[in-house]
Amino acid sequence: MEQKNCITIKDDAFKSIMNKLERMEEFMKDSFEIIQKLKGSFSEFEDEPLTEKAAALLLGVSVRTLQRIRKKEEIEYFRIGAKVRYYKSHILSYGKDKMKNMKKN
């Protein structure tokens, strides 16, 4: 008879894992919604303000990388109170410029 492997997890550890999985699922759903929104017509609402998270997703970089780009003053941004926002047109333009530079090198 073939033996099957079995893993035992304590109740607290299982709950912790499930909690993390639920948070990951929520993050994925939020990311998917943002991507679907951004996939819409780029010409329409081109200067729509974007959150850091949405701008980073559009560029295909992490939020931290986007913050580094901002700190180097390579991309325009503005603030609403303490929150940083980017115009979609600036993000798209920056992305196009980066792609051109990558092709040259």
Protein backbone atom coordinates (compact mmCIF):
# COMPACT_ATOMS: atom_id res chain seq x y z
CA MET A 1 0.00 0.00 0.00
CA GLU A 2 1.30 3.44 -0.95
CA GLN A 3 1.95 5.85 1.91
CA LYS A 4 0.63 9.41 1.58
CA ASN A 5 2.37 12.38 3.10
CA CYS A 6 0.44 14.41 5.60
CA ILE A 7 1.24 17.80 7.09
CA THR A 8 -0.19 18.87 10.43
CA ILE A 9 -0.60 22.57 11.13
CA LYS A 10 -1.60 24.09 14.45
CA ASP A 11 -4.90 25.98 14.45
CA ASP A 12 -3.26 29.40 15.06
CA ALA A 13 -0.73 28.88 12.27
CA PHE A 14 -3.51 27.80 9.89
CA LYS A 15 -5.55 30.89 10.75
CA SER A 16 -2.49 33.07 10.17
CA ILE A 17 -1.84 31.49 6.76
CA MET A 18 -5.49 31.86 5.76
CA ASN A 19 -5.47 35.52 6.86
CA LYS A 20 -2.40 36.19 4.70
CA LEU A 21 -3.97 34.40 1.74
CA GLU A 22 -7.15 36.47 2.10
CA ARG A 23 -5.09 39.69 2.16
CA MET A 24 -3.19 38.54 -0.93
CA GLU A 25 -6.48 37.77 -2.65
CA GLU A 26 -7.79 41.26 -1.79
CA PHE A 27 -4.57 42.85 -3.12
CA MET A 28 -4.84 40.85 -6.35
CA LYS A 29 -8.48 41.89 -6.83
CA ASP A 30 -7.58 45.56 -6.23
CA SER A 31 -4.65 45.29 -8.65
CA PHE A 32 -6.84 43.64 -11.27
CA GLU A 33 -9.43 46.42 -10.96
CA ILE A 34 -6.73 49.08 -11.35
CA ILE A 35 -5.27 47.33 -14.39
CA GLN A 36 -8.71 47.00 -15.98
CA LYS A 37 -9.33 50.69 -15.39
CA LEU A 38 -5.99 51.60 -16.90
CA LYS A 39 -6.52 49.33 -19.90
CA GLY A 40 -9.39 51.55 -20.94
CA SER A 41 -8.92 54.27 -23.49
CA PHE A 42 -5.66 56.03 -22.72
CA SER A 43 -6.67 59.01 -24.78
CA GLU A 44 -9.80 59.50 -22.71
CA PHE A 45 -9.03 60.96 -19.28
CA GLU A 46 -5.35 61.03 -20.15
CA ASP A 47 -4.66 63.57 -17.45
CA GLU A 48 -6.54 61.65 -14.82
CA PRO A 49 -4.66 61.78 -11.51
CA LEU A 50 -3.24 58.43 -10.42
CA THR A 51 -2.27 57.14 -7.00
CA GLU A 52 1.27 55.91 -6.47
CA LYS A 53 0.03 52.33 -6.59
CA ALA A 54 -1.81 52.84 -9.90
CA ALA A 55 1.10 54.76 -11.45
CA ALA A 56 3.57 52.06 -10.40
CA LEU A 57 1.35 49.34 -11.88
CA LEU A 58 1.06 51.28 -15.13
CA LEU A 59 4.86 51.59 -15.35
CA GLY A 60 5.43 48.00 -14.25
CA VAL A 61 7.57 48.98 -11.27
CA SER A 62 7.18 48.82 -7.51
CA VAL A 63 5.85 51.77 -5.54
CA ARG A 64 9.30 52.13 -3.98
CA THR A 65 10.95 52.32 -7.41
CA LEU A 66 8.44 54.97 -8.45
CA GLN A 67 9.32 56.94 -5.31
CA ARG A 68 13.02 56.73 -6.24
CA ILE A 69 12.22 57.98 -9.75
CA ARG A 70 10.26 60.86 -8.21
CA LYS A 71 13.12 61.67 -5.82
CA LYS A 72 15.52 61.91 -8.79
CA GLU A 73 13.03 64.38 -10.31
CA GLU A 74 12.68 62.24 -13.44
CA ILE A 75 8.89 62.36 -13.35
CA GLU A 76 6.37 65.08 -12.55
CA TYR A 77 4.00 64.71 -9.62
CA PHE A 78 1.79 66.79 -7.39
CA ARG A 79 0.37 66.54 -3.90
CA ILE A 80 -3.14 66.62 -2.59
CA GLY A 81 -2.54 67.23 1.08
CA ALA A 82 0.08 64.64 2.03
CA LYS A 83 -0.83 62.25 -0.80
CA VAL A 84 1.30 62.10 -3.94
CA ARG A 85 -0.46 61.91 -7.31
CA TYR A 86 0.74 61.57 -10.89
CA TYR A 87 -0.98 62.52 -14.11
CA LYS A 88 -1.54 59.55 -16.37
CA SER A 89 -0.13 61.47 -19.36
CA HIS A 90 3.16 62.03 -17.48
CA ILE A 91 3.38 58.35 -16.53
CA LEU A 92 2.72 57.26 -20.13
CA SER A 93 5.24 59.76 -21.47
CA TYR A 94 7.89 58.66 -18.97
CA GLY A 95 7.28 55.01 -19.89
CA LYS A 96 7.61 55.75 -23.62
CA ASP A 97 10.83 57.71 -23.06
CA LYS A 98 12.30 54.88 -21.00
CA MET A 99 11.41 52.35 -23.72
CA LYS A 100 13.11 54.54 -26.38
CA ASN A 101 16.23 54.82 -24.23
CA MET A 102 16.31 51.05 -23.68
CA LYS A 103 16.13 50.43 -27.44
CA LYS A 104 19.03 52.84 -28.06
CA ASN A 105 21.26 51.02 -25.57
